[in-house]
C-alpha atoms as a PDB file:
ATOM      1  CA  MET A   1       0.000   0.000   0.000  1.00  0.00           C
ATOM      2  CA  THR A   2       2.950   2.381   0.677  1.00  0.00           C
ATOM      3  CA  GLN A   3       4.013   1.945  -2.935  1.00  0.00           C
ATOM      4  CA  VAL A   4       0.580   2.827  -4.340  1.00  0.00           C
ATOM      5  CA  THR A   5       0.264   6.394  -5.534  1.00  0.00           C
ATOM      6  CA  SER A   6      -2.554   8.559  -4.332  1.00  0.00           C
ATOM      7  CA  ARG A   7      -4.230   8.376  -7.740  1.00  0.00           C
ATOM      8  CA  SER A   8      -4.045   4.557  -7.828  1.00  0.00           C
ATOM      9  CA  LEU A   9      -5.372   4.374  -4.281  1.00  0.00           C
ATOM     10  CA  PHE A  10      -8.257   6.573  -5.279  1.00  0.00           C
ATOM     11  CA  VAL A  11      -9.086   4.255  -8.202  1.00  0.00           C
ATOM     12  CA  ILE A  12      -8.867   1.143  -6.029  1.00  0.00           C
ATOM     13  CA  THR A  13     -11.051   2.512  -3.243  1.00  0.00           C
ATOM     14  CA  GLY A  14     -13.492   3.871  -5.802  1.00  0.00           C
ATOM     15  CA  GLY A  15     -13.777   0.448  -7.435  1.00  0.00           C
ATOM     16  CA  ILE A  16     -14.377  -1.258  -4.091  1.00  0.00           C
ATOM     17  CA  ALA A  17     -16.990   1.308  -3.160  1.00  0.00           C
ATOM     18  CA  GLY A  18     -18.686   0.877  -6.547  1.00  0.00           C
ATOM     19  CA  ALA A  19     -18.814  -2.915  -6.200  1.00  0.00           C
ATOM     20  CA  ALA A  20     -20.249  -2.583  -2.707  1.00  0.00           C
ATOM     21  CA  ALA A  21     -22.861  -0.156  -3.995  1.00  0.00           C
ATOM     22  CA  VAL A  22     -23.910  -2.629  -6.704  1.00  0.00           C
ATOM     23  CA  LEU A  23     -24.314  -5.405  -4.141  1.00  0.00           C
ATOM     24  CA  VAL A  24     -26.396  -3.135  -1.913  1.00  0.00           C
ATOM     25  CA  VAL A  25     -28.636  -2.127  -4.826  1.00  0.00           C
ATOM     26  CA  GLN A  26     -29.136  -5.764  -5.854  1.00  0.00           C
ATOM     27  CA  TRP A  27     -30.021  -6.730  -2.298  1.00  0.00           C
ATOM     28  CA  TYR A  28     -32.442  -3.823  -2.024  1.00  0.00           C
ATOM     29  CA  GLN A  29     -34.131  -4.709  -5.307  1.00  0.00           C
ATOM     30  CA  ARG A  30     -34.678  -8.268  -4.130  1.00  0.00           C
ATOM     31  CA  THR A  31     -36.136  -7.238  -0.773  1.00  0.00           C
ATOM     32  CA  ALA A  32     -37.848  -3.995  -1.779  1.00  0.00           C
ATOM     33  CA  ARG A  33     -41.511  -3.687  -0.872  1.00  0.00           C
ATOM     34  CA  LEU A  34     -41.335  -6.846   1.211  1.00  0.00           C
ATOM     35  CA  THR A  35     -44.839  -7.456   2.525  1.00  0.00           C
ATOM     36  CA  GLU A  36     -46.716 -10.169   4.400  1.00  0.00           C
ATOM     37  CA  VAL A  37     -49.804 -11.863   2.950  1.00  0.00           C
ATOM     38  CA  LYS A  38     -52.133 -14.386   4.597  1.00  0.00           C
ATOM     39  CA  VAL A  39     -53.053 -17.324   2.333  1.00  0.00           C
ATOM     40  CA  THR A  40     -55.146 -20.406   3.076  1.00  0.00           C
ATOM     41  CA  VAL A  41     -53.347 -23.454   1.707  1.00  0.00           C
ATOM     42  CA  PRO A  42     -55.490 -26.530   0.831  1.00  0.00           C
ATOM     43  CA  GLN A  43     -54.861 -29.550   3.081  1.00  0.00           C
ATOM     44  CA  LEU A  44     -52.943 -27.304   5.472  1.00  0.00           C
ATOM     45  CA  SER A  45     -54.075 -24.045   7.069  1.00  0.00           C
ATOM     46  CA  GLU A  46     -53.727 -20.287   6.803  1.00  0.00           C
ATOM     47  CA  LEU A  47     -50.056 -19.376   6.486  1.00  0.00           C
ATOM     48  CA  THR A  48     -48.134 -16.130   6.338  1.00  0.00           C
ATOM     49  CA  PHE A  49     -46.178 -15.513   3.142  1.00  0.00           C
ATOM     50  CA  THR A  50     -43.563 -12.849   2.471  1.00  0.00           C
ATOM     51  CA  VAL A  51     -43.331 -11.442  -1.047  1.00  0.00           C
ATOM     52  CA  ASN A  52     -41.236  -8.896  -2.890  1.00  0.00           C
ATOM     53  CA  ASN A  53     -41.187  -7.691  -6.487  1.00  0.00           C
ATOM     54  CA  ASP A  54     -39.538 -10.855  -7.845  1.00  0.00           C
ATOM     55  CA  SER A  55     -41.848 -13.255  -6.036  1.00  0.00           C
ATOM     56  CA  ARG A  56     -44.893 -11.234  -7.070  1.00  0.00           C
ATOM     57  CA  GLN A  57     -43.888 -11.777 -10.676  1.00  0.00           C
ATOM     58  CA  VAL A  58     -43.564 -15.549 -10.106  1.00  0.00           C
ATOM     59  CA  ALA A  59     -46.934 -15.595  -8.329  1.00  0.00           C
ATOM     60  CA  TRP A  60     -48.541 -13.770 -11.267  1.00  0.00           C
ATOM     61  CA  GLN A  61     -47.130 -16.330 -13.724  1.00  0.00           C
ATOM     62  CA  MET A  62     -48.449 -19.169 -11.566  1.00  0.00           C
ATOM     63  CA  PHE A  63     -51.856 -17.507 -11.311  1.00  0.00           C
ATOM     64  CA  VAL A  64     -52.140 -17.209 -15.092  1.00  0.00           C
ATOM     65  CA  GLU A  65     -51.073 -20.839 -15.597  1.00  0.00           C
ATOM     66  CA  THR A  66     -53.568 -22.238 -13.104  1.00  0.00           C
ATOM     67  CA  VAL A  67     -56.651 -20.317 -14.284  1.00  0.00           C
ATOM     68  CA  THR A  68     -56.208 -20.636 -18.057  1.00  0.00           C
ATOM     69  CA  ARG A  69     -56.077 -24.410 -18.288  1.00  0.00           C
ATOM     70  CA  VAL A  70     -58.755 -26.973 -18.990  1.00  0.00           C
ATOM     71  CA  SER A  71     -57.779 -28.783 -15.803  1.00  0.00           C
ATOM     72  CA  THR A  72     -59.380 -26.070 -13.663  1.00  0.00           C
ATOM     73  CA  GLN A  73     -62.694 -25.952 -15.526  1.00  0.00           C
ATOM     74  CA  PRO A  74     -65.707 -27.840 -14.111  1.00  0.00           C
ATOM     75  CA  LEU A  75     -66.384 -31.142 -15.855  1.00  0.00           C
ATOM     76  CA  ALA A  76     -69.995 -32.336 -15.699  1.00  0.00           C
ATOM     77  CA  SER A  77     -70.604 -36.059 -15.296  1.00  0.00           C
ATOM     78  CA  ASP A  78     -71.988 -36.334 -18.827  1.00  0.00           C
ATOM     79  CA  GLN A  79     -69.681 -33.820 -20.502  1.00  0.00           C
ATOM     80  CA  GLY A  80     -66.019 -33.244 -21.214  1.00  0.00           C
ATOM     81  CA  VAL A  81     -63.140 -35.676 -21.484  1.00  0.00           C
ATOM     82  CA  VAL A  82     -61.140 -36.859 -18.476  1.00  0.00           C
ATOM     83  CA  ARG A  83     -58.129 -37.538 -20.693  1.00  0.00           C
ATOM     84  CA  GLU A  84     -58.026 -33.873 -21.717  1.00  0.00           C
ATOM     85  CA  SER A  85     -58.117 -32.750 -18.091  1.00  0.00           C
ATOM     86  CA  LEU A  86     -55.323 -35.140 -17.091  1.00  0.00           C
ATOM     87  CA  THR A  87     -53.173 -33.944 -19.987  1.00  0.00           C
ATOM     88  CA  SER A  88     -53.802 -30.355 -18.956  1.00  0.00           C
ATOM     89  CA  MET A  89     -52.787 -31.134 -15.378  1.00  0.00           C
ATOM     90  CA  TYR A  90     -49.573 -32.716 -16.606  1.00  0.00           C
ATOM     91  CA  GLY A  91     -48.924 -29.506 -18.500  1.00  0.00           C
ATOM     92  CA  LEU A  92     -49.539 -27.453 -15.360  1.00  0.00           C
ATOM     93  CA  PHE A  93     -47.177 -29.704 -13.407  1.00  0.00           C
ATOM     94  CA  ALA A  94     -44.392 -29.317 -15.980  1.00  0.00           C
ATOM     95  CA  THR A  95     -44.873 -25.573 -16.417  1.00  0.00           C
ATOM     96  CA  THR A  96     -44.801 -24.992 -12.664  1.00  0.00           C
ATOM     97  CA  ARG A  97     -41.486 -26.800 -12.353  1.00  0.00           C
ATOM     98  CA  GLU A  98     -39.996 -24.844 -15.257  1.00  0.00           C
ATOM     99  CA  THR A  99     -41.224 -21.537 -13.844  1.00  0.00           C
ATOM    100  CA  LEU A 100     -39.624 -22.273 -10.481  1.00  0.00           C
ATOM    101  CA  LYS A 101     -36.369 -23.446 -12.071  1.00  0.00           C
ATOM    102  CA  ALA A 102     -36.107 -20.269 -14.155  1.00  0.00           C
ATOM    103  CA  ALA A 103     -36.843 -17.889 -11.270  1.00  0.00           C
ATOM    104  CA  ARG A 104     -34.398 -16.762  -8.602  1.00  0.00           C
ATOM    105  CA  PRO A 105     -35.170 -18.149  -5.127  1.00  0.00           C
ATOM    106  CA  SER A 106     -37.086 -15.732  -2.946  1.00  0.00           C
ATOM    107  CA  ALA A 107     -35.167 -13.976  -0.204  1.00  0.00           C
ATOM    108  CA  ALA A 108     -35.519 -15.926   3.023  1.00  0.00           C
ATOM    109  CA  VAL A 109     -37.372 -14.061   5.753  1.00  0.00           C
ATOM    110  CA  PRO A 110     -37.875 -15.543   9.254  1.00  0.00           C
ATOM    111  CA  GLY A 111     -41.492 -16.388  10.044  1.00  0.00           C
ATOM    112  CA  GLY A 112     -42.812 -16.309   6.473  1.00  0.00           C
ATOM    113  CA  GLN A 113     -43.251 -18.785   3.632  1.00  0.00           C
ATOM    114  CA  THR A 114     -42.376 -18.070   0.000  1.00  0.00           C
ATOM    115  CA  VAL A 115     -44.220 -18.359  -3.303  1.00  0.00           C
ATOM    116  CA  GLU A 116     -42.029 -21.369  -4.107  1.00  0.00           C
ATOM    117  CA  TYR A 117     -43.435 -23.133  -1.049  1.00  0.00           C
ATOM    118  CA  LEU A 118     -47.003 -22.574  -2.278  1.00  0.00           C
ATOM    119  CA  ALA A 119     -46.192 -23.817  -5.788  1.00  0.00           C
ATOM    120  CA  ILE A 120     -44.318 -26.927  -4.623  1.00  0.00           C
ATOM    121  CA  THR A 121     -47.099 -27.728  -2.174  1.00  0.00           C
ATOM    122  CA  MET A 122     -49.593 -27.594  -5.048  1.00  0.00           C
ATOM    123  CA  LEU A 123     -47.444 -30.045  -7.000  1.00  0.00           C
ATOM    124  CA  ASN A 124     -46.828 -32.518  -4.190  1.00  0.00           C
ATOM    125  CA  GLN A 125     -50.129 -32.309  -2.301  1.00  0.00           C
ATOM    126  CA  ALA A 126     -52.657 -31.911  -5.136  1.00  0.00           C
ATOM    127  CA  LEU A 127     -51.389 -32.662  -8.649  1.00  0.00           C
ATOM    128  CA  ARG A 128     -48.857 -35.452  -8.098  1.00  0.00           C
ATOM    129  CA  PRO A 129     -51.102 -37.764  -6.002  1.00  0.00           C
ATOM    130  CA  PHE A 130     -54.033 -37.393  -8.400  1.00  0.00           C
ATOM    131  CA  LEU A 131     -51.965 -37.958 -11.531  1.00  0.00           C
ATOM    132  CA  SER A 132     -50.001 -40.842 -10.016  1.00  0.00           C
ATOM    133  CA  HIS A 133     -53.224 -42.614  -9.076  1.00  0.00           C
ATOM    134  CA  TRP A 134     -55.468 -42.022 -12.069  1.00  0.00           C
ATOM    135  CA  HIS A 135     -53.200 -41.608 -15.072  1.00  0.00           C
ATOM    136  CA  PRO A 136     -51.947 -45.250 -15.097  1.00  0.00           C
ATOM    137  CA  ARG A 137     -55.515 -46.529 -14.659  1.00  0.00           C
ATOM    138  CA  LEU A 138     -56.858 -44.538 -17.578  1.00  0.00           C
ATOM    139  CA  GLN A 139     -53.850 -45.500 -19.691  1.00  0.00           C
ATOM    140  CA  GLU A 140     -54.471 -49.179 -18.982  1.00  0.00           C
ATOM    141  CA  PHE A 141     -58.129 -48.888 -19.994  1.00  0.00           C
ATOM    142  CA  GLU A 142     -57.221 -47.039 -23.204  1.00  0.00           C
ATOM    143  CA  ARG A 143     -54.563 -49.628 -24.038  1.00  0.00           C
ATOM    144  CA  ASN A 144     -56.824 -52.650 -23.404  1.00  0.00           C
ATOM    145  CA  HIS A 145     -59.947 -51.098 -24.973  1.00  0.00           C
ATOM    146  CA  PRO A 146     -58.743 -48.913 -27.855  1.00  0.00           C
ATOM    147  CA  ASP A 147     -62.179 -48.782 -29.492  1.00  0.00           C
ATOM    148  CA  SER A 148     -64.175 -48.069 -26.320  1.00  0.00           C
ATOM    149  CA  ARG A 149     -65.504 -44.721 -25.256  1.00  0.00           C
ATOM    150  CA  GLU A 150     -64.272 -43.113 -22.075  1.00  0.00           C
ATOM    151  CA  SER A 151     -67.774 -43.346 -20.616  1.00  0.00           C
ATOM    152  CA  GLU A 152     -67.418 -47.152 -20.699  1.00  0.00           C
ATOM    153  CA  TRP A 153     -64.465 -47.025 -18.326  1.00  0.00           C
ATOM    154  CA  PRO A 154     -65.673 -48.648 -15.067  1.00  0.00           C
ATOM    155  CA  GLU A 155     -63.816 -46.052 -12.955  1.00  0.00           C
ATOM    156  CA  ASN A 156     -64.989 -43.072 -14.973  1.00  0.00           C
ATOM    157  CA  GLU A 157     -67.373 -41.641 -12.348  1.00  0.00           C
ATOM    158  CA  THR A 158     -64.945 -42.240  -9.470  1.00  0.00           C
ATOM    159  CA  CYS A 159     -62.172 -40.492 -11.360  1.00  0.00           C
ATOM    160  CA  ARG A 160     -64.426 -37.537 -12.143  1.00  0.00           C
ATOM    161  CA  ALA A 161     -65.343 -37.225  -8.458  1.00  0.00           C
ATOM    162  CA  ALA A 162     -61.647 -37.125  -7.517  1.00  0.00           C
ATOM    163  CA  LEU A 163     -61.049 -34.661 -10.343  1.00  0.00           C
ATOM    164  CA  ARG A 164     -63.638 -32.268  -8.892  1.00  0.00           C
ATOM    165  CA  VAL A 165     -61.768 -32.283  -5.571  1.00  0.00           C
ATOM    166  CA  VAL A 166     -58.428 -31.528  -7.244  1.00  0.00           C
ATOM    167  CA  GLN A 167     -60.014 -28.771  -9.320  1.00  0.00           C
ATOM    168  CA  ARG A 168     -61.314 -27.182  -6.133  1.00  0.00           C
ATOM    169  CA  ASP A 169     -57.818 -27.369  -4.633  1.00  0.00           C
ATOM    170  CA  VAL A 170     -56.202 -25.873  -7.745  1.00  0.00           C
ATOM    171  CA  TYR A 171     -58.766 -23.080  -7.645  1.00  0.00           C
ATOM    172  CA  ASP A 172     -57.797 -22.323  -4.038  1.00  0.00           C
ATOM    173  CA  TYR A 173     -54.118 -22.322  -5.012  1.00  0.00           C
ATOM    174  CA  ALA A 174     -54.905 -19.933  -7.876  1.00  0.00           C
ATOM    175  CA  VAL A 175     -56.570 -17.550  -5.435  1.00  0.00           C
ATOM    176  CA  GLY A 176     -53.491 -17.824  -3.214  1.00  0.00           C
ATOM    177  CA  PHE A 177     -51.176 -16.987  -6.115  1.00  0.00           C
ATOM    178  CA  ALA A 178     -53.390 -14.023  -6.960  1.00  0.00           C
ATOM    179  CA  ARG A 179     -53.114 -12.653  -3.430  1.00  0.00           C
ATOM    180  CA  LEU A 180     -49.339 -13.035  -3.465  1.00  0.00           C
ATOM    181  CA  ALA A 181     -49.215 -11.245  -6.818  1.00  0.00           C
ATOM    182  CA  GLY A 182     -51.400  -8.420  -5.551  1.00  0.00           C
ATOM    183  CA  VAL A 183     -54.325  -9.173  -7.896  1.00  0.00           C
ATOM    184  CA  ARG A 184     -57.523  -7.536  -6.717  1.00  0.00           C
ATOM    185  CA  GLU A 185     -60.854  -9.385  -6.790  1.00  0.00           C
ATOM    186  CA  ALA A 186     -59.207 -12.587  -7.987  1.00  0.00           C
ATOM    187  CA  GLU A 187     -62.388 -14.646  -7.627  1.00  0.00           C
ATOM    188  CA  ALA A 188     -64.253 -12.331 -10.008  1.00  0.00           C
ATOM    189  CA  LEU A 189     -61.336 -12.413 -12.454  1.00  0.00           C
ATOM    190  CA  ILE A 190     -61.245 -16.220 -12.451  1.00  0.00           C
ATOM    191  CA  GLY A 191     -64.961 -16.312 -13.132  1.00  0.00           C
ATOM    192  CA  VAL A 192     -65.702 -20.046 -13.016  1.00  0.00           C
ATOM    193  CA  VAL A 193     -65.901 -21.366  -9.453  1.00  0.00           C
ATOM    194  CA  PRO A 194     -65.701 -25.153  -8.965  1.00  0.00           C
ATOM    195  CA  ALA A 195     -68.572 -26.773  -7.131  1.00  0.00           C
ATOM    196  CA  PRO A 196     -68.192 -27.039  -3.326  1.00  0.00           C
ATOM    197  CA  ARG A 197     -66.792 -30.282  -2.026  1.00  0.00           C
ATOM    198  CA  ALA A 198     -69.488 -32.895  -1.507  1.00  0.00           C
ATOM    199  CA  PRO A 199     -69.230 -35.510   1.282  1.00  0.00           C
ATOM    200  CA  GLY A 200     -68.545 -38.231  -1.306  1.00  0.00           C
ATOM    201  CA  ASP A 201     -65.791 -36.243  -2.956  1.00  0.00           C
ATOM    202  CA  GLY A 202     -63.575 -36.377   0.103  1.00  0.00           C
ATOM    203  CA  ALA A 203     -63.346 -40.155  -0.103  1.00  0.00           C
ATOM    204  CA  GLY A 204     -62.322 -39.984  -3.750  1.00  0.00           C
ATOM    205  CA  ALA A 205     -59.605 -37.484  -2.957  1.00  0.00           C
ATOM    206  CA  GLY A 206     -58.345 -39.561  -0.065  1.00  0.00           C
ATOM    207  CA  GLN A 207     -58.127 -42.606  -2.288  1.00  0.00           C
ATOM    208  CA  ALA A 208     -56.154 -40.655  -4.877  1.00  0.00           C
ATOM    209  CA  ARG A 209     -53.767 -39.129  -2.361  1.00  0.00           C
ATOM    210  CA  ALA A 210     -53.175 -42.406  -0.568  1.00  0.00           C
ATOM    211  CA  ALA A 211     -51.855 -43.869  -3.802  1.00  0.00           C
ATOM    212  CA  GLY A 212     -49.515 -40.958  -4.389  1.00  0.00           C
ATOM    213  CA  GLY A 213     -46.501 -42.817  -3.115  1.00  0.00           C
ATOM    214  CA  GLY A 214     -46.489 -45.140  -6.139  1.00  0.00           C
ATOM    215  CA  THR A 215     -45.873 -43.958  -9.662  1.00  0.00           C
ATOM    216  CA  ARG A 216     -44.935 -40.341 -10.163  1.00  0.00           C
ATOM    217  CA  PRO A 217     -45.547 -38.034 -13.113  1.00  0.00           C
ATOM    218  CA  SER A 218     -42.913 -38.570 -15.765  1.00  0.00           C
ATOM    219  CA  ASP A 219     -40.096 -36.013 -15.936  1.00  0.00           C
END
């Protein structure tokens, strides 16, 4: 340091100060407007989430993905195609993973959950168990009865009942993503509200979730 001229020392200290300033700005941008939001998570309870500008953007992307897919639309017992809904749910599963992989992890804040937690919970608690249980069964029926209609599948009604439960869960997750993203009147924006859970639907969901430890959605 004794051999460094005053001009060189000025340049060195200026560079260090500039680098420190950049780090401070980046940290501030990631934690700016950090707020707490209460969200009710299906199968769990009301949790406190912390969000900033980055996580709001991820939450908005997740909200759009969940509410614009066939998988979230009500499917009457005599209408629609279960295969189309399952394919749509696989798409939602894959897109959610890609969205999380592309985004930077949210800044950790003591006492609050992150948008990544809500998204991963949706995958592991709602989508994965349903798909792991019903997709192989429908595939087997389609493979063994290539000329049969879906309505002839013996488990068609049971699968549709479980589907209604998952759709209700996905709807609740979509509302949660909307709140994290700061979307006002999310329910009105979504428009279509799945039917309330019926007593019989709970059994179908339990059956689907209990089988979740078997096959898993393909990567």
